[in-house]
Amino acid sequence: MSLVAKDESFDIVSEVDMQEVDNAVQQTDRQIAQRFDLKDTKAEVILDKHAATITVKAPSDFVARQVTDILGSAVIKRGIDLKALHWGGVEAASGGWVRMTATIVNGIEDTLAKKINKDIREEKFKAKVQIEGDKLRVFSPSRDELQRVIAFVREKDYGIPLQFTNRR
């Protein structure tokens, strides 16, 4: 009977805790209501958990940007990377108001997953990468090699927050 060494593995994912996003939105709403310069503006922040979007509605571009700054601070305090929010431009809304919408990044898009896979292969690590839906699984017989892959991926900027989970 031969003993075969089992490969170690981990997953590269991009996940956002929606409850923490909800808490950040609520905290932003409270700050808007308390701040002297914002409380009478009727600006609002709306979280749509199903669509994974945050919409800021405000009477002016200036107020909208102030609200997004407050939201950004609240998100950071909650341990969420700002890269998880992809803001669109300022859009005109009815009544002279403006709207800004952020998409919450959850999962790694196929094209980005392929780019990460290609970057890891080009570095010639002794590791295999599999794309599994919206995450990547990295295998290697050596834990040290997996640590090198993690360090390599952390150095790169892929425009979204990445986490390393399920180390086995």
Protein backbone atom coordinates (compact mmCIF):
# COMPACT_ATOMS: atom_id res chain seq x y z
CA MET A 1 0.00 0.00 0.00
CA SER A 2 1.45 3.36 -1.01
CA LEU A 3 0.71 6.62 0.66
CA VAL A 4 0.15 9.47 -1.77
CA ALA A 5 0.63 13.00 -0.47
CA LYS A 6 -2.61 14.90 -0.73
CA ASP A 7 -2.47 18.35 -2.29
CA GLU A 8 -3.03 21.36 -0.07
CA SER A 9 -5.44 23.96 -1.42
CA PHE A 10 -7.11 27.31 -0.83
CA ASP A 11 -9.75 29.44 -2.57
CA ILE A 12 -9.36 32.95 -3.93
CA VAL A 13 -12.71 34.71 -3.50
CA SER A 14 -14.18 38.19 -3.46
CA GLU A 15 -16.95 38.30 -0.91
CA VAL A 16 -18.64 41.17 0.90
CA ASP A 17 -20.61 40.76 4.12
CA MET A 18 -23.94 42.34 3.14
CA GLN A 19 -24.96 42.72 6.79
CA GLU A 20 -21.91 44.95 7.36
CA VAL A 21 -22.84 46.95 4.23
CA ASP A 22 -26.37 47.33 5.63
CA ASN A 23 -24.91 48.52 8.95
CA ALA A 24 -22.71 51.06 7.12
CA VAL A 25 -25.74 52.39 5.19
CA GLN A 26 -27.74 52.76 8.43
CA GLN A 27 -24.80 54.52 10.09
CA THR A 28 -24.57 56.89 7.10
CA ASP A 29 -28.29 57.67 7.36
CA ARG A 30 -27.85 58.54 11.06
CA GLN A 31 -24.89 60.81 10.28
CA ILE A 32 -26.83 62.62 7.53
CA ALA A 33 -29.67 63.25 10.00
CA GLN A 34 -27.25 64.60 12.63
CA ARG A 35 -24.90 66.73 10.55
CA PHE A 36 -25.87 70.39 10.51
CA ASP A 37 -24.87 70.87 6.86
CA LEU A 38 -26.78 67.80 5.64
CA LYS A 39 -29.82 67.26 7.86
CA ASP A 40 -32.23 69.49 5.91
CA THR A 41 -31.10 68.29 2.46
CA LYS A 42 -33.33 65.17 2.46
CA ALA A 43 -30.41 63.21 0.98
CA GLU A 44 -30.83 59.46 1.31
CA VAL A 45 -28.88 56.24 0.92
CA ILE A 46 -30.73 53.15 -0.33
CA LEU A 47 -29.35 49.61 -0.19
CA ASP A 48 -30.81 46.99 -2.54
CA LYS A 49 -29.46 43.69 -1.22
CA HIS A 50 -30.92 41.63 -4.09
CA ALA A 51 -29.38 43.79 -6.82
CA ALA A 52 -26.27 44.38 -4.67
CA THR A 53 -26.38 48.15 -5.20
CA ILE A 54 -26.26 51.27 -3.06
CA THR A 55 -27.98 54.39 -4.40
CA VAL A 56 -27.34 57.88 -3.06
CA LYS A 57 -30.02 60.47 -3.86
CA ALA A 58 -29.26 64.11 -3.13
CA PRO A 59 -30.38 67.62 -4.15
CA SER A 60 -26.96 68.43 -5.65
CA ASP A 61 -23.73 66.88 -6.87
CA PHE A 62 -21.87 68.44 -3.92
CA VAL A 63 -24.21 66.90 -1.33
CA ALA A 64 -24.12 63.52 -3.13
CA ARG A 65 -20.31 63.48 -2.96
CA GLN A 66 -20.38 64.40 0.75
CA VAL A 67 -22.77 61.52 1.42
CA THR A 68 -20.59 59.07 -0.55
CA ASP A 69 -17.58 60.20 1.51
CA ILE A 70 -19.50 59.53 4.74
CA LEU A 71 -20.60 56.14 3.36
CA GLY A 72 -17.01 55.34 2.37
CA SER A 73 -15.80 56.04 5.92
CA ALA A 74 -18.57 53.88 7.39
CA VAL A 75 -17.74 51.03 5.00
CA ILE A 76 -14.03 51.16 5.93
CA LYS A 77 -14.89 51.17 9.67
CA ARG A 78 -16.91 48.01 9.03
CA GLY A 79 -13.88 46.25 7.57
CA ILE A 80 -14.99 46.37 3.94
CA ASP A 81 -12.48 47.37 1.27
CA LEU A 82 -13.57 50.40 -0.79
CA LYS A 83 -12.68 48.42 -3.94
CA ALA A 84 -15.83 46.41 -3.22
CA LEU A 85 -17.91 49.43 -4.30
CA HIS A 86 -17.79 50.36 -7.98
CA TRP A 87 -19.37 53.80 -8.28
CA GLY A 88 -21.06 54.96 -11.45
CA GLY A 89 -21.19 58.59 -12.45
CA VAL A 90 -23.56 61.25 -11.21
CA GLU A 91 -26.94 60.99 -12.99
CA ALA A 92 -29.68 63.57 -13.14
CA ALA A 93 -32.86 62.49 -11.36
CA SER A 94 -36.33 64.04 -11.25
CA GLY A 95 -36.85 67.40 -9.58
CA GLY A 96 -33.30 68.59 -10.16
CA TRP A 97 -31.89 65.92 -7.85
CA VAL A 98 -28.90 63.71 -8.62
CA ARG A 99 -28.33 60.01 -8.15
CA MET A 100 -25.13 58.00 -7.72
CA THR A 101 -25.20 54.21 -7.75
CA ALA A 102 -22.52 51.82 -6.54
CA THR A 103 -22.44 48.16 -7.48
CA ILE A 104 -21.23 45.89 -4.70
CA VAL A 105 -18.64 43.43 -6.01
CA ASN A 106 -19.42 39.89 -4.89
CA GLY A 107 -17.55 37.13 -6.68
CA ILE A 108 -14.81 37.17 -9.29
CA GLU A 109 -15.95 37.78 -12.88
CA ASP A 110 -14.91 35.18 -15.46
CA THR A 111 -12.51 37.47 -17.35
CA LEU A 112 -10.76 38.53 -14.14
CA ALA A 113 -10.57 34.91 -12.93
CA LYS A 114 -8.86 33.98 -16.21
CA LYS A 115 -6.40 36.88 -15.80
CA ILE A 116 -5.51 35.82 -12.24
CA ASN A 117 -5.12 32.21 -13.42
CA LYS A 118 -2.85 33.34 -16.29
CA ASP A 119 -0.73 35.53 -13.97
CA ILE A 120 -0.20 32.62 -11.55
CA ARG A 121 0.72 30.26 -14.41
CA GLU A 122 3.17 32.77 -15.91
CA GLU A 123 5.06 32.95 -12.59
CA LYS A 124 5.65 29.18 -12.94
CA PHE A 125 4.54 28.27 -9.43
CA LYS A 126 4.32 24.55 -8.69
CA ALA A 127 0.57 24.93 -8.29
CA LYS A 128 -2.58 24.22 -10.26
CA VAL A 129 -5.46 26.68 -10.52
CA GLN A 130 -9.08 25.80 -11.25
CA ILE A 131 -11.81 28.34 -11.91
CA GLU A 132 -14.94 27.25 -10.06
CA GLY A 133 -17.80 29.64 -10.77
CA ASP A 134 -16.98 32.97 -9.15
CA LYS A 135 -13.88 31.75 -7.27
CA LEU A 136 -10.53 30.15 -7.97
CA ARG A 137 -9.13 27.08 -6.21
CA VAL A 138 -5.35 26.73 -6.03
CA PHE A 139 -3.73 23.31 -5.38
CA SER A 140 -0.14 22.40 -4.57
CA PRO A 141 1.63 19.61 -2.68
CA SER A 142 3.64 22.31 -0.86
CA ARG A 143 2.17 24.72 1.69
CA ASP A 144 5.15 27.02 1.11
CA GLU A 145 4.28 27.21 -2.58
CA LEU A 146 0.70 28.15 -1.70
CA GLN A 147 2.03 30.89 0.59
CA ARG A 148 4.10 32.23 -2.32
CA VAL A 149 1.01 32.24 -4.56
CA ILE A 150 -0.96 34.17 -1.89
CA ALA A 151 1.86 36.71 -1.52
CA PHE A 152 2.06 37.10 -5.32
CA VAL A 153 -1.70 37.67 -5.72
CA ARG A 154 -1.72 40.15 -2.80
CA GLU A 155 0.98 42.23 -4.53
CA LYS A 156 -1.13 42.58 -7.68
CA ASP A 157 -4.02 45.03 -7.90
CA TYR A 158 -6.99 43.42 -9.63
CA GLY A 159 -9.39 46.26 -8.78
CA ILE A 160 -11.49 44.19 -6.34
CA PRO A 161 -10.82 42.98 -2.81
CA LEU A 162 -9.63 39.38 -2.72
CA GLN A 163 -9.75 36.99 0.23
CA PHE A 164 -8.02 33.65 0.68
CA THR A 165 -10.27 31.03 2.28
CA ASN A 166 -10.74 27.28 2.84
CA ARG A 167 -7.08 26.49 3.41
CA ARG A 168 -6.80 22.71 3.52
